[in-house]
Amino acid sequence: MLTIADPAPEFALPGVFQDHVRTYTLKEARGKWLVLFFYPADFTFVCPTEVVGFSAQAVAFRAEGAEIYGVSVDSAESHRAWAKELGGLAYPLLSDADKSVSRAYHVLHPKEGVALRATFLIDPEGTIQYSVACNMNVGRSVEETLRVLQALRTNRMCPADWKPGEPTFDLVNRY
C-alpha cells in the first residue's frame, strides 16, 4: 500500500454523482484535500454503512476544505443504482472496473479481486498524508477520518485522541 509522503497516483475514472456520470480525476481535486476511500463492492453488508457515513459527514469534510471520492471495482451503472437505493449520496462514487487504480494504490485484494477497505488523505499538492487499510469485514470510522484530517490541517503536533479546539504542540523534530 502507498504511504505517507508518496505522491498520489493520478487517475481518471467514471463516477456517478446525483445520477450523472462523468470522469473524475485526481488533478481536478488539486488545491483541496481529498478523502479517497476504497471499498469492496456495492450492494453488500458493511459497505453501505461506510458510504452513507461519509455522505452524512460530507458537509463537515467540505468545511475542512476536502472533497470525498468513494471507489470500488463496480461499474458506474451499479453505482448509480446503489446510490438511488441508498437515498442519494453527497459525493461521487467512482468506478475502477479495470482495477487499475486499486492496483496503483496497492489496495486490490489478491484473491477476491476487489478493493480492500482503504482510506487515503491526499493534501492539496497531491501528496498522501494519511493511509489506513483493514480487512474487508471491518468498517472504518468516518469520524476518525475527519478527526485526522482536522489534525493534519492544523500543521501542528496533535496528541492522541486530539479534537479541534484542544491544545496542540509546535512542530519540532521530536515525536
C-alpha atoms as a PDB file:
ATOM      1  CA  MET A   1       0.000   0.000   0.000  1.00  0.00           C
ATOM      2  CA  LEU A   2       1.166   3.520  -0.655  1.00  0.00           C
ATOM      3  CA  THR A   3       2.007   5.513   2.420  1.00  0.00           C
ATOM      4  CA  ILE A   4       2.864   8.910   3.851  1.00  0.00           C
ATOM      5  CA  ALA A   5       4.763  11.351   1.605  1.00  0.00           C
ATOM      6  CA  ASP A   6       4.174   9.241  -1.510  1.00  0.00           C
ATOM      7  CA  PRO A   7       2.726  11.140  -4.442  1.00  0.00           C
ATOM      8  CA  ALA A   8      -0.838  10.005  -5.006  1.00  0.00           C
ATOM      9  CA  PRO A   9      -1.116   8.145  -8.322  1.00  0.00           C
ATOM     10  CA  GLU A  10      -3.081  10.045 -10.944  1.00  0.00           C
ATOM     11  CA  PHE A  11      -6.378   8.616 -12.120  1.00  0.00           C
ATOM     12  CA  ALA A  12      -9.297   9.352 -14.400  1.00  0.00           C
ATOM     13  CA  LEU A  13     -12.358   7.266 -13.543  1.00  0.00           C
ATOM     14  CA  PRO A  14     -16.023   7.392 -14.463  1.00  0.00           C
ATOM     15  CA  GLY A  15     -18.076   8.343 -11.458  1.00  0.00           C
ATOM     16  CA  VAL A  16     -21.690   8.862 -10.514  1.00  0.00           C
ATOM     17  CA  PHE A  17     -22.944  11.857  -8.571  1.00  0.00           C
ATOM     18  CA  GLN A  18     -26.591  12.908  -8.369  1.00  0.00           C
ATOM     19  CA  ASP A  19     -27.490  10.391 -11.083  1.00  0.00           C
ATOM     20  CA  HIS A  20     -24.998  11.877 -13.586  1.00  0.00           C
ATOM     21  CA  VAL A  21     -21.924  10.067 -14.892  1.00  0.00           C
ATOM     22  CA  ARG A  22     -18.728  11.934 -15.691  1.00  0.00           C
ATOM     23  CA  THR A  23     -14.977  11.434 -15.394  1.00  0.00           C
ATOM     24  CA  TYR A  24     -13.305  12.364 -12.103  1.00  0.00           C
ATOM     25  CA  THR A  25      -9.560  12.919 -11.802  1.00  0.00           C
ATOM     26  CA  LEU A  26      -7.025  13.445  -9.071  1.00  0.00           C
ATOM     27  CA  LYS A  27      -5.881  16.528 -10.954  1.00  0.00           C
ATOM     28  CA  GLU A  28      -9.245  18.272 -10.543  1.00  0.00           C
ATOM     29  CA  ALA A  29      -9.037  17.769  -6.773  1.00  0.00           C
ATOM     30  CA  ARG A  30      -5.718  19.669  -6.566  1.00  0.00           C
ATOM     31  CA  GLY A  31      -5.892  22.710  -4.350  1.00  0.00           C
ATOM     32  CA  LYS A  32      -8.170  20.865  -1.912  1.00  0.00           C
ATOM     33  CA  TRP A  33      -7.749  17.954   0.430  1.00  0.00           C
ATOM     34  CA  LEU A  34      -9.111  14.698  -0.931  1.00  0.00           C
ATOM     35  CA  VAL A  35     -10.559  11.820   1.050  1.00  0.00           C
ATOM     36  CA  LEU A  36     -10.096   8.902  -1.313  1.00  0.00           C
ATOM     37  CA  PHE A  37     -11.636   5.787   0.126  1.00  0.00           C
ATOM     38  CA  PHE A  38     -11.797   2.345  -1.433  1.00  0.00           C
ATOM     39  CA  TYR A  39     -14.410  -0.233  -0.550  1.00  0.00           C
ATOM     40  CA  PRO A  40     -15.027  -3.799  -1.773  1.00  0.00           C
ATOM     41  CA  ALA A  41     -18.410  -3.706  -3.508  1.00  0.00           C
ATOM     42  CA  ASP A  42     -21.844  -2.156  -3.915  1.00  0.00           C
ATOM     43  CA  PHE A  43     -24.895  -3.978  -2.526  1.00  0.00           C
ATOM     44  CA  THR A  44     -23.026  -5.616   0.359  1.00  0.00           C
ATOM     45  CA  PHE A  45     -23.408  -5.569   4.148  1.00  0.00           C
ATOM     46  CA  VAL A  46     -20.654  -3.377   5.616  1.00  0.00           C
ATOM     47  CA  CYS A  47     -20.011  -1.072   2.648  1.00  0.00           C
ATOM     48  CA  PRO A  48     -23.313   0.868   2.849  1.00  0.00           C
ATOM     49  CA  THR A  49     -22.614   1.790   6.466  1.00  0.00           C
ATOM     50  CA  GLU A  50     -19.384   3.493   5.395  1.00  0.00           C
ATOM     51  CA  VAL A  51     -20.716   5.017   2.185  1.00  0.00           C
ATOM     52  CA  VAL A  52     -23.721   6.507   3.975  1.00  0.00           C
ATOM     53  CA  GLY A  53     -21.494   7.545   6.902  1.00  0.00           C
ATOM     54  CA  PHE A  54     -19.219   9.586   4.617  1.00  0.00           C
ATOM     55  CA  SER A  55     -22.275  11.121   2.981  1.00  0.00           C
ATOM     56  CA  ALA A  56     -23.698  12.153   6.356  1.00  0.00           C
ATOM     57  CA  GLN A  57     -20.396  13.915   7.162  1.00  0.00           C
ATOM     58  CA  ALA A  58     -19.792  15.434   3.695  1.00  0.00           C
ATOM     59  CA  VAL A  59     -20.617  18.952   4.899  1.00  0.00           C
ATOM     60  CA  ALA A  60     -18.079  18.631   7.733  1.00  0.00           C
ATOM     61  CA  PHE A  61     -15.402  17.383   5.307  1.00  0.00           C
ATOM     62  CA  ARG A  62     -16.118  20.248   2.898  1.00  0.00           C
ATOM     63  CA  ALA A  63     -15.887  22.702   5.809  1.00  0.00           C
ATOM     64  CA  GLU A  64     -12.318  21.401   6.187  1.00  0.00           C
ATOM     65  CA  GLY A  65     -11.573  22.067   2.511  1.00  0.00           C
ATOM     66  CA  ALA A  66     -11.880  18.422   1.475  1.00  0.00           C
ATOM     67  CA  GLU A  67     -13.699  16.536  -1.240  1.00  0.00           C
ATOM     68  CA  ILE A  68     -14.678  12.875  -0.939  1.00  0.00           C
ATOM     69  CA  TYR A  69     -14.408  10.207  -3.630  1.00  0.00           C
ATOM     70  CA  GLY A  70     -15.526   6.630  -2.962  1.00  0.00           C
ATOM     71  CA  VAL A  71     -14.007   3.959  -5.221  1.00  0.00           C
ATOM     72  CA  SER A  72     -14.848   0.316  -5.900  1.00  0.00           C
ATOM     73  CA  VAL A  73     -14.437  -2.047  -8.831  1.00  0.00           C
ATOM     74  CA  ASP A  74     -18.176  -1.909  -9.579  1.00  0.00           C
ATOM     75  CA  SER A  75     -19.466  -0.283 -12.770  1.00  0.00           C
ATOM     76  CA  ALA A  76     -20.809   3.253 -12.941  1.00  0.00           C
ATOM     77  CA  GLU A  77     -24.285   1.811 -13.586  1.00  0.00           C
ATOM     78  CA  SER A  78     -24.034  -0.307 -10.444  1.00  0.00           C
ATOM     79  CA  HIS A  79     -23.026   2.835  -8.520  1.00  0.00           C
ATOM     80  CA  ARG A  80     -25.985   4.731  -9.976  1.00  0.00           C
ATOM     81  CA  ALA A  81     -28.473   2.033  -8.905  1.00  0.00           C
ATOM     82  CA  TRP A  82     -26.895   1.649  -5.470  1.00  0.00           C
ATOM     83  CA  ALA A  83     -26.786   5.402  -4.782  1.00  0.00           C
ATOM     84  CA  LYS A  84     -30.508   5.547  -5.619  1.00  0.00           C
ATOM     85  CA  GLU A  85     -31.207   2.618  -3.285  1.00  0.00           C
ATOM     86  CA  LEU A  86     -29.266   4.411  -0.522  1.00  0.00           C
ATOM     87  CA  GLY A  87     -31.349   7.562  -0.984  1.00  0.00           C
ATOM     88  CA  GLY A  88     -28.637   9.581  -2.746  1.00  0.00           C
ATOM     89  CA  LEU A  89     -25.111  10.480  -1.723  1.00  0.00           C
ATOM     90  CA  ALA A  90     -23.349  13.792  -1.137  1.00  0.00           C
ATOM     91  CA  TYR A  91     -20.219  12.841  -3.123  1.00  0.00           C
ATOM     92  CA  PRO A  92     -19.358  10.739  -6.186  1.00  0.00           C
ATOM     93  CA  LEU A  93     -18.768   7.003  -6.368  1.00  0.00           C
ATOM     94  CA  LEU A  94     -16.026   6.170  -8.875  1.00  0.00           C
ATOM     95  CA  SER A  95     -15.825   3.019 -10.975  1.00  0.00           C
ATOM     96  CA  ASP A  96     -12.472   1.249 -11.103  1.00  0.00           C
ATOM     97  CA  ALA A  97     -13.864  -1.568 -13.241  1.00  0.00           C
ATOM     98  CA  ASP A  98     -10.491  -2.383 -14.796  1.00  0.00           C
ATOM     99  CA  LYS A  99      -8.930  -2.369 -11.293  1.00  0.00           C
ATOM    100  CA  SER A 100      -6.020  -0.185 -12.441  1.00  0.00           C
ATOM    101  CA  VAL A 101      -6.437   2.428  -9.708  1.00  0.00           C
ATOM    102  CA  SER A 102      -6.854  -0.196  -6.978  1.00  0.00           C
ATOM    103  CA  ARG A 103      -3.605  -1.717  -8.243  1.00  0.00           C
ATOM    104  CA  ALA A 104      -1.850   1.673  -8.419  1.00  0.00           C
ATOM    105  CA  TYR A 105      -2.777   2.365  -4.787  1.00  0.00           C
ATOM    106  CA  HIS A 106      -1.839  -1.230  -3.828  1.00  0.00           C
ATOM    107  CA  VAL A 107      -5.265  -1.987  -2.342  1.00  0.00           C
ATOM    108  CA  LEU A 108      -6.544  -4.722  -4.664  1.00  0.00           C
ATOM    109  CA  HIS A 109      -7.229  -7.887  -2.682  1.00  0.00           C
ATOM    110  CA  PRO A 110      -5.049 -10.574  -4.292  1.00  0.00           C
ATOM    111  CA  LYS A 111      -7.634 -13.355  -4.058  1.00  0.00           C
ATOM    112  CA  GLU A 112     -11.007 -11.609  -4.068  1.00  0.00           C
ATOM    113  CA  GLY A 113     -10.262  -9.169  -6.914  1.00  0.00           C
ATOM    114  CA  VAL A 114     -11.941  -6.259  -5.114  1.00  0.00           C
ATOM    115  CA  ALA A 115     -10.549  -3.248  -3.300  1.00  0.00           C
ATOM    116  CA  LEU A 116      -9.717  -3.509   0.369  1.00  0.00           C
ATOM    117  CA  ARG A 117     -11.186  -1.027   2.822  1.00  0.00           C
ATOM    118  CA  ALA A 118      -8.519   1.635   2.466  1.00  0.00           C
ATOM    119  CA  THR A 119      -8.535   5.363   3.081  1.00  0.00           C
ATOM    120  CA  PHE A 120      -6.092   7.986   1.833  1.00  0.00           C
ATOM    121  CA  LEU A 121      -5.982  11.638   2.832  1.00  0.00           C
ATOM    122  CA  ILE A 122      -4.290  13.478  -0.006  1.00  0.00           C
ATOM    123  CA  ASP A 123      -3.140  17.061   0.530  1.00  0.00           C
ATOM    124  CA  PRO A 124      -3.819  19.921  -1.901  1.00  0.00           C
ATOM    125  CA  GLU A 125      -0.474  19.293  -3.635  1.00  0.00           C
ATOM    126  CA  GLY A 126      -1.293  15.625  -4.319  1.00  0.00           C
ATOM    127  CA  THR A 127       0.803  14.018  -1.577  1.00  0.00           C
ATOM    128  CA  ILE A 128      -0.529  11.251   0.634  1.00  0.00           C
ATOM    129  CA  GLN A 129      -0.613  12.428   4.251  1.00  0.00           C
ATOM    130  CA  TYR A 130      -2.559   9.539   5.777  1.00  0.00           C
ATOM    131  CA  SER A 131      -3.286   5.977   4.760  1.00  0.00           C
ATOM    132  CA  VAL A 132      -5.035   3.133   6.503  1.00  0.00           C
ATOM    133  CA  ALA A 133      -6.406  -0.229   5.394  1.00  0.00           C
ATOM    134  CA  CYS A 134      -8.257  -3.008   7.133  1.00  0.00           C
ATOM    135  CA  ASN A 135      -9.799  -6.369   6.392  1.00  0.00           C
ATOM    136  CA  MET A 136     -12.998  -6.370   4.394  1.00  0.00           C
ATOM    137  CA  ASN A 137     -15.179  -7.471   7.311  1.00  0.00           C
ATOM    138  CA  VAL A 138     -14.427  -4.387   9.464  1.00  0.00           C
ATOM    139  CA  GLY A 139     -15.890  -0.977   8.652  1.00  0.00           C
ATOM    140  CA  ARG A 140     -13.771   2.134   9.072  1.00  0.00           C
ATOM    141  CA  SER A 141     -14.529   5.103  11.310  1.00  0.00           C
ATOM    142  CA  VAL A 142     -15.693   8.121   9.327  1.00  0.00           C
ATOM    143  CA  GLU A 143     -15.381  10.200  12.499  1.00  0.00           C
ATOM    144  CA  GLU A 144     -11.712   9.213  12.870  1.00  0.00           C
ATOM    145  CA  THR A 145     -11.021  10.085   9.242  1.00  0.00           C
ATOM    146  CA  LEU A 146     -12.490  13.545   9.821  1.00  0.00           C
ATOM    147  CA  ARG A 147     -10.520  13.968  13.070  1.00  0.00           C
ATOM    148  CA  VAL A 148      -7.249  13.053  11.338  1.00  0.00           C
ATOM    149  CA  LEU A 149      -7.987  15.497   8.507  1.00  0.00           C
ATOM    150  CA  GLN A 150      -8.631  18.237  11.061  1.00  0.00           C
ATOM    151  CA  ALA A 151      -5.389  17.394  12.865  1.00  0.00           C
ATOM    152  CA  LEU A 152      -3.368  17.417   9.642  1.00  0.00           C
ATOM    153  CA  ARG A 153      -4.801  20.787   8.701  1.00  0.00           C
ATOM    154  CA  THR A 154      -3.509  22.349  11.942  1.00  0.00           C
ATOM    155  CA  ASN A 155       0.070  21.749  10.739  1.00  0.00           C
ATOM    156  CA  ARG A 156       0.917  21.187  14.390  1.00  0.00           C
ATOM    157  CA  MET A 157       1.634  18.142  16.513  1.00  0.00           C
ATOM    158  CA  CYS A 158      -1.606  16.722  17.881  1.00  0.00           C
ATOM    159  CA  PRO A 159      -1.633  14.264  20.790  1.00  0.00           C
ATOM    160  CA  ALA A 160      -3.600  11.015  20.839  1.00  0.00           C
ATOM    161  CA  ASP A 161      -7.366  11.495  20.736  1.00  0.00           C
ATOM    162  CA  TRP A 162      -6.922  15.199  19.950  1.00  0.00           C
ATOM    163  CA  LYS A 163     -10.052  17.050  18.877  1.00  0.00           C
ATOM    164  CA  PRO A 164     -10.436  20.525  17.314  1.00  0.00           C
ATOM    165  CA  GLY A 165     -10.097  23.253  19.926  1.00  0.00           C
ATOM    166  CA  GLU A 166      -7.840  21.203  22.180  1.00  0.00           C
ATOM    167  CA  PRO A 167      -4.180  22.123  22.748  1.00  0.00           C
ATOM    168  CA  THR A 168      -1.559  21.170  20.193  1.00  0.00           C
ATOM    169  CA  PHE A 169       2.224  21.404  20.193  1.00  0.00           C
ATOM    170  CA  ASP A 170       4.538  23.388  17.957  1.00  0.00           C
ATOM    171  CA  LEU A 171       6.042  21.313  15.172  1.00  0.00           C
ATOM    172  CA  VAL A 172       9.513  20.222  16.163  1.00  0.00           C
ATOM    173  CA  ASN A 173      11.567  17.182  15.260  1.00  0.00           C
ATOM    174  CA  ARG A 174      10.544  15.312  18.410  1.00  0.00           C
ATOM    175  CA  TYR A 175       7.968  12.599  18.263  1.00  0.00           C
END
